[in-house]
Amino acid sequence: MRRTKVELLGLVERVIELYEGEKRTIRQIEEILRSEGYDISRESIRKSIKKSRELAEVYKRSLDEAKVLLETVKNSPNTDVIEVTTSLLAHRIFEFVKSIDSIDFEDPGELVRALKRMADAQVKVAQMRLSYQKGFEEAREQFMGELLRELEAYPEVTAKIVEIAQRVRPDGGN
């Protein structure tokens, strides 16, 4: 996307301050900038304001998503946090790639490598989760075997402990 004259001259913050802070109209902003020696059209000012609003909205959505993410995973195992984070990053990269009009990077391969690293991270997290769950199940079985051998003389206690142990899940839920 082409940059506006406001952006090219480094006046975005000034325009936003006049528009949002001082509540000036686009026409008034144009007049102020002309009096300061800048030849900038109202259309360029309008586009700059619109672009800034859109960017602010993207930042706001990202902040909201981050808050939801943190709330969702605050009591979760680290593998959940990593999985959600890599998934969110992969989604962001995908959205970025969709928004590209043309690729004019110095090294377009860097984007492809980033996508590959993200996919590899997701696979590794899934493998870690499976390994953790398998290890948890094996440890629980070993523990239950040892415990049952020790408690053979107490069948009521044994039955209650087995019932409790069967409810325990690797994700911490019951």
Protein backbone atom coordinates (compact mmCIF):
# COMPACT_ATOMS: atom_id res chain seq x y z
CA MET A 1 0.00 0.00 0.00
CA ARG A 2 1.33 3.42 -0.92
CA ARG A 3 2.22 5.77 1.87
CA THR A 4 0.36 9.06 2.16
CA LYS A 5 2.13 12.39 1.96
CA VAL A 6 1.40 12.84 5.68
CA GLU A 7 3.40 9.66 6.37
CA LEU A 8 6.18 10.58 3.97
CA LEU A 9 6.66 13.92 5.71
CA GLY A 10 6.52 12.34 9.19
CA LEU A 11 3.41 14.26 10.24
CA VAL A 12 1.15 11.37 11.29
CA GLU A 13 1.45 12.05 15.03
CA ARG A 14 0.86 15.76 14.48
CA VAL A 15 -2.26 15.09 12.38
CA ILE A 16 -3.62 12.59 14.92
CA GLU A 17 -2.96 15.02 17.78
CA LEU A 18 -4.79 17.81 15.92
CA TYR A 19 -7.69 15.52 15.01
CA GLU A 20 -8.09 13.49 18.22
CA GLY A 21 -6.50 15.75 20.83
CA GLU A 22 -7.56 19.19 19.66
CA LYS A 23 -10.73 17.96 17.89
CA ARG A 24 -9.88 19.83 14.68
CA THR A 25 -11.65 19.05 11.41
CA ILE A 26 -9.77 17.74 8.41
CA ARG A 27 -10.22 21.14 6.72
CA GLN A 28 -8.76 22.92 9.77
CA ILE A 29 -5.82 20.50 9.87
CA GLU A 30 -5.16 21.18 6.19
CA GLU A 31 -5.18 24.94 6.86
CA ILE A 32 -2.84 24.59 9.85
CA LEU A 33 -0.36 22.47 7.89
CA ARG A 34 -0.48 24.85 4.91
CA SER A 35 0.27 27.77 7.26
CA GLU A 36 3.31 25.79 8.44
CA GLY A 37 4.50 25.38 4.84
CA TYR A 38 3.23 21.89 4.07
CA ASP A 39 1.24 21.27 0.88
CA ILE A 40 -0.94 18.34 1.95
CA SER A 41 -4.43 17.60 0.64
CA ARG A 42 -7.47 16.88 2.79
CA GLU A 43 -7.64 13.44 1.15
CA SER A 44 -4.12 12.62 2.31
CA ILE A 45 -5.04 13.76 5.82
CA ARG A 46 -8.26 11.72 5.76
CA LYS A 47 -6.40 8.58 4.58
CA SER A 48 -3.78 9.04 7.26
CA ILE A 49 -6.43 9.33 9.98
CA LYS A 50 -8.31 6.31 8.62
CA LYS A 51 -5.11 4.23 8.48
CA SER A 52 -4.25 5.22 12.06
CA ARG A 53 -7.72 4.23 13.25
CA GLU A 54 -7.43 0.87 11.52
CA LEU A 55 -4.01 0.30 13.07
CA ALA A 56 -5.34 1.28 16.50
CA GLU A 57 -8.18 -1.22 16.04
CA VAL A 58 -5.71 -3.98 15.14
CA TYR A 59 -3.68 -3.18 18.27
CA LYS A 60 -6.83 -3.15 20.38
CA ARG A 61 -7.94 -6.54 19.02
CA SER A 62 -4.45 -7.93 19.64
CA LEU A 63 -4.53 -6.64 23.22
CA ASP A 64 -7.98 -8.16 23.77
CA GLU A 65 -6.81 -11.48 22.32
CA ALA A 66 -3.74 -11.41 24.55
CA LYS A 67 -5.93 -10.81 27.62
CA VAL A 68 -8.21 -13.72 26.68
CA LEU A 69 -5.16 -15.89 26.02
CA LEU A 70 -3.64 -15.08 29.40
CA GLU A 71 -6.94 -15.69 31.18
CA THR A 72 -7.41 -19.00 29.36
CA VAL A 73 -3.98 -20.42 30.09
CA LYS A 74 -3.18 -18.93 33.49
CA ASN A 75 -3.81 -22.22 35.29
CA SER A 76 -2.77 -24.51 32.44
CA PRO A 77 0.35 -26.61 32.03
CA ASN A 78 3.22 -25.01 30.11
CA THR A 79 2.54 -27.20 27.07
CA ASP A 80 -0.91 -25.59 26.77
CA VAL A 81 0.63 -22.13 26.95
CA ILE A 82 3.22 -22.98 24.30
CA GLU A 83 0.63 -24.62 22.06
CA VAL A 84 -1.77 -21.69 22.23
CA THR A 85 1.03 -19.16 21.73
CA THR A 86 2.49 -20.89 18.67
CA SER A 87 -0.98 -21.32 17.23
CA LEU A 88 -1.69 -17.61 17.72
CA LEU A 89 1.63 -16.65 16.14
CA ALA A 90 1.00 -18.94 13.18
CA HIS A 91 -2.41 -17.31 12.72
CA ARG A 92 -0.84 -13.84 12.84
CA ILE A 93 1.77 -14.79 10.23
CA PHE A 94 -0.95 -16.27 8.03
CA GLU A 95 -3.00 -13.06 8.31
CA PHE A 96 0.09 -11.03 7.47
CA VAL A 97 0.82 -13.16 4.40
CA LYS A 98 -2.78 -12.75 3.20
CA SER A 99 -2.42 -8.97 3.43
CA ILE A 100 0.70 -8.77 1.26
CA ASP A 101 0.00 -7.14 -2.10
CA SER A 102 3.40 -7.97 -3.50
CA ILE A 103 6.52 -9.54 -2.10
CA ASP A 104 9.33 -7.04 -2.14
CA PHE A 105 11.40 -8.37 0.73
CA GLU A 106 15.17 -8.44 0.44
CA ASP A 107 14.95 -12.12 1.37
CA PRO A 108 11.46 -13.63 0.79
CA GLY A 109 12.85 -16.96 1.98
CA GLU A 110 12.98 -15.55 5.52
CA LEU A 111 9.17 -15.48 5.66
CA VAL A 112 9.00 -19.08 4.44
CA ARG A 113 11.61 -20.12 7.04
CA ALA A 114 9.59 -18.37 9.77
CA LEU A 115 6.47 -20.28 8.74
CA LYS A 116 8.41 -23.55 8.74
CA ARG A 117 9.83 -22.84 12.21
CA MET A 118 6.31 -22.09 13.47
CA ALA A 119 4.97 -25.35 12.04
CA ASP A 120 7.93 -27.27 13.52
CA ALA A 121 7.24 -25.68 16.93
CA GLN A 122 3.61 -26.78 16.79
CA VAL A 123 4.66 -30.35 15.96
CA LYS A 124 7.19 -30.38 18.81
CA VAL A 125 4.59 -29.12 21.29
CA ALA A 126 2.17 -31.86 20.18
CA GLN A 127 4.95 -34.45 20.60
CA MET A 128 5.79 -33.09 24.06
CA ARG A 129 2.14 -33.29 25.06
CA LEU A 130 1.86 -36.92 23.90
CA SER A 131 5.10 -37.82 25.66
CA TYR A 132 3.94 -36.12 28.85
CA GLN A 133 0.57 -37.89 28.77
CA LYS A 134 2.21 -41.26 28.13
CA GLY A 135 4.67 -40.69 30.98
CA PHE A 136 1.87 -39.59 33.28
CA GLU A 137 -0.16 -42.71 32.54
CA GLU A 138 2.88 -44.96 33.07
CA ALA A 139 3.74 -43.24 36.37
CA ARG A 140 0.14 -43.47 37.55
CA GLU A 141 0.01 -47.20 36.71
CA GLN A 142 3.32 -47.84 38.51
CA PHE A 143 2.19 -45.83 41.54
CA MET A 144 -1.18 -47.59 41.67
CA GLY A 145 0.49 -51.02 41.45
CA GLU A 146 2.82 -50.24 44.34
CA LEU A 147 0.03 -48.66 46.37
CA LEU A 148 -2.36 -51.57 45.85
CA ARG A 149 0.29 -54.06 46.94
CA GLU A 150 0.86 -52.07 50.14
CA LEU A 151 -2.86 -51.69 50.87
CA GLU A 152 -4.02 -55.29 50.20
CA ALA A 153 -4.93 -55.65 53.88
CA TYR A 154 -7.27 -52.61 53.70
CA PRO A 155 -9.84 -53.26 50.91
CA GLU A 156 -12.15 -50.30 51.73
CA VAL A 157 -9.28 -47.81 51.67
CA THR A 158 -7.90 -49.43 48.51
CA ALA A 159 -11.25 -49.08 46.69
CA LYS A 160 -11.54 -45.39 47.63
CA ILE A 161 -7.96 -44.62 46.53
CA VAL A 162 -8.50 -46.41 43.19
CA GLU A 163 -11.68 -44.39 42.65
CA ILE A 164 -9.84 -41.11 43.33
CA ALA A 165 -6.82 -42.07 41.18
CA GLN A 166 -9.03 -42.93 38.21
CA ARG A 167 -10.41 -39.36 38.23
CA VAL A 168 -6.95 -37.76 38.04
CA ARG A 169 -6.08 -36.60 34.51
CA PRO A 170 -2.77 -35.41 33.03
CA ASP A 171 -4.30 -31.99 32.27
CA GLY A 172 -5.11 -31.42 35.97
CA GLY A 173 -8.89 -31.69 35.45
CA ASN A 174 -11.17 -34.21 37.13
